[in-house]
Amino acid sequence: MEFTSQTQSASNKAVWIGRVLSGLVVLFMLFDGTIKLVPLDIVMQTNAQLGYPDSINLARGLGILGLACTALYAFPRTSALGAILLTGYLGGAIATQLRVGSPIFSHLLFGFYLGLMVWGGLYLRDARVRSLIPFVR
């Protein structure tokens, strides 16, 4: 009995860690999408630095796309689809940073770090994902 309660306790801890990781991703993506919807001057300046047109519609489109992917990720029934779509969105960000020669650890890999949080959070909080990707047998 004692072993079962310790295992259950560790499982609950993992689920809460997953929720926290996922929550941090959702908060960051909500911030990112919101500043693109407005769009703030920094968004327009950054788009220009990255070689994208100075277009409010482009910034808003990216904001809507990011928020839609985040909404899918935030809801348990669609979280796997949201994670897949966020992975694609973040892959585009990584490709953009690579194209313009951004610093590796701060800019280029930021999308990778966020992607690890997306999938790590989902893995820890969703038993279905853990059954699809069994790290421990």
Protein backbone atom coordinates (compact mmCIF):
# COMPACT_ATOMS: atom_id res chain seq x y z
CA MET A 1 0.00 0.00 0.00
CA GLU A 2 2.77 2.43 0.86
CA PHE A 3 4.38 2.02 -2.55
CA THR A 4 1.07 2.80 -4.27
CA SER A 5 0.56 6.01 -2.31
CA GLN A 6 4.13 7.17 -3.07
CA THR A 7 3.63 6.42 -6.76
CA GLN A 8 0.31 8.28 -6.74
CA SER A 9 1.91 11.23 -4.97
CA ALA A 10 4.73 11.40 -7.51
CA SER A 11 2.17 11.20 -10.26
CA ASN A 12 0.23 14.12 -8.81
CA LYS A 13 3.43 16.14 -8.55
CA ALA A 14 4.23 15.41 -12.20
CA VAL A 15 0.73 16.46 -13.25
CA TRP A 16 1.07 19.75 -11.36
CA ILE A 17 4.50 20.41 -12.82
CA GLY A 18 2.99 19.78 -16.25
CA ARG A 19 0.17 22.20 -15.53
CA VAL A 20 2.63 24.87 -14.41
CA LEU A 21 4.80 24.40 -17.53
CA SER A 22 1.73 24.51 -19.75
CA GLY A 23 0.43 27.56 -17.90
CA LEU A 24 3.70 29.41 -18.47
CA VAL A 25 3.51 28.60 -22.19
CA VAL A 26 -0.10 29.79 -22.35
CA LEU A 27 0.73 33.02 -20.51
CA PHE A 28 3.67 33.77 -22.79
CA MET A 29 1.69 33.01 -25.94
CA LEU A 30 -1.24 35.15 -24.73
CA PHE A 31 1.19 38.04 -24.21
CA ASP A 32 2.82 37.42 -27.60
CA GLY A 33 -0.51 37.19 -29.45
CA THR A 34 -1.96 40.24 -27.70
CA ILE A 35 0.95 42.55 -28.53
CA LYS A 36 0.67 41.43 -32.15
CA LEU A 37 -3.07 42.13 -32.26
CA VAL A 38 -2.67 45.73 -31.09
CA PRO A 39 0.10 45.83 -32.74
CA LEU A 40 2.68 47.59 -30.60
CA ASP A 41 5.48 49.57 -32.25
CA ILE A 42 8.05 47.03 -31.06
CA VAL A 43 6.20 44.33 -33.02
CA MET A 44 6.32 46.38 -36.20
CA GLN A 45 10.01 47.24 -35.68
CA THR A 46 10.91 43.61 -34.99
CA ASN A 47 9.02 42.42 -38.07
CA ALA A 48 11.00 44.89 -40.16
CA GLN A 49 14.30 43.74 -38.60
CA LEU A 50 13.37 40.15 -39.40
CA GLY A 51 12.72 41.03 -43.04
CA TYR A 52 8.95 40.92 -42.98
CA PRO A 53 6.80 43.65 -44.52
CA ASP A 54 5.71 46.55 -42.34
CA SER A 55 2.13 45.31 -42.35
CA ILE A 56 -0.37 45.61 -39.54
CA ASN A 57 -2.41 42.83 -41.16
CA LEU A 58 0.58 40.46 -41.04
CA ALA A 59 1.20 41.21 -37.36
CA ARG A 60 -2.47 40.73 -36.52
CA GLY A 61 -2.64 37.55 -38.56
CA LEU A 62 0.31 36.09 -36.67
CA GLY A 63 -1.30 37.17 -33.40
CA ILE A 64 -4.59 35.48 -34.27
CA LEU A 65 -2.78 32.32 -35.42
CA GLY A 66 -0.72 32.16 -32.21
CA LEU A 67 -3.76 32.76 -30.02
CA ALA A 68 -5.80 30.12 -31.86
CA CYS A 69 -3.05 27.51 -31.45
CA THR A 70 -2.71 28.48 -27.78
CA ALA A 71 -6.45 28.16 -27.18
CA LEU A 72 -6.39 24.65 -28.64
CA TYR A 73 -3.41 23.79 -26.42
CA ALA A 74 -5.06 25.17 -23.28
CA PHE A 75 -8.16 22.97 -23.49
CA PRO A 76 -7.59 19.32 -22.50
CA ARG A 77 -9.73 17.86 -25.31
CA THR A 78 -7.69 19.62 -28.01
CA SER A 79 -4.34 19.98 -26.25
CA ALA A 80 -2.49 17.48 -28.46
CA LEU A 81 -3.65 19.26 -31.62
CA GLY A 82 -2.69 22.59 -30.06
CA ALA A 83 0.78 21.24 -29.20
CA ILE A 84 1.28 20.07 -32.78
CA LEU A 85 0.19 23.44 -34.19
CA LEU A 86 2.31 25.38 -31.68
CA THR A 87 5.28 23.24 -32.71
CA GLY A 88 4.79 24.37 -36.31
CA TYR A 89 4.34 27.99 -35.26
CA LEU A 90 7.51 27.89 -33.16
CA GLY A 91 9.36 26.13 -35.98
CA GLY A 92 8.58 29.09 -38.21
CA ALA A 93 9.97 31.42 -35.55
CA ILE A 94 13.16 29.34 -35.34
CA ALA A 95 13.52 29.35 -39.14
CA THR A 96 13.10 33.13 -39.21
CA GLN A 97 15.74 33.64 -36.53
CA LEU A 98 18.10 31.29 -38.37
CA ARG A 99 17.57 33.14 -41.65
CA VAL A 100 18.58 36.51 -40.17
CA GLY A 101 21.54 35.15 -38.22
CA SER A 102 20.26 35.81 -34.71
CA PRO A 103 22.26 34.81 -31.63
CA ILE A 104 21.89 31.09 -31.01
CA PHE A 105 21.06 30.63 -27.33
CA SER A 106 18.94 33.74 -26.74
CA HIS A 107 16.99 34.14 -29.99
CA LEU A 108 17.38 31.13 -32.26
CA LEU A 109 16.77 28.46 -29.62
CA PHE A 110 14.04 30.34 -27.75
CA GLY A 111 11.38 28.66 -29.89
CA PHE A 112 13.02 25.31 -29.15
CA TYR A 113 12.96 26.01 -25.40
CA LEU A 114 9.31 26.99 -25.61
CA GLY A 115 8.55 23.86 -27.65
CA LEU A 116 10.18 21.72 -24.96
CA MET A 117 7.91 23.38 -22.42
CA VAL A 118 4.86 22.75 -24.64
CA TRP A 119 5.55 19.05 -25.00
CA GLY A 120 7.03 18.57 -21.52
CA GLY A 121 3.98 20.16 -19.93
CA LEU A 122 1.61 18.10 -22.05
CA TYR A 123 3.55 14.89 -21.38
CA LEU A 124 3.44 15.41 -17.63
CA ARG A 125 -0.23 16.38 -17.44
CA ASP A 126 -1.77 14.01 -20.01
CA ALA A 127 -1.65 10.23 -19.56
CA ARG A 128 -2.60 9.72 -23.23
CA VAL A 129 0.59 11.44 -24.38
CA ARG A 130 2.65 9.45 -21.88
CA SER A 131 1.20 6.23 -23.30
CA LEU A 132 2.11 7.31 -26.85
CA ILE A 133 5.67 8.27 -25.88
CA PRO A 134 6.79 5.81 -23.20
CA PHE A 135 10.20 6.94 -21.94
CA VAL A 136 10.07 4.33 -19.17
CA ARG A 137 8.63 0.89 -19.67
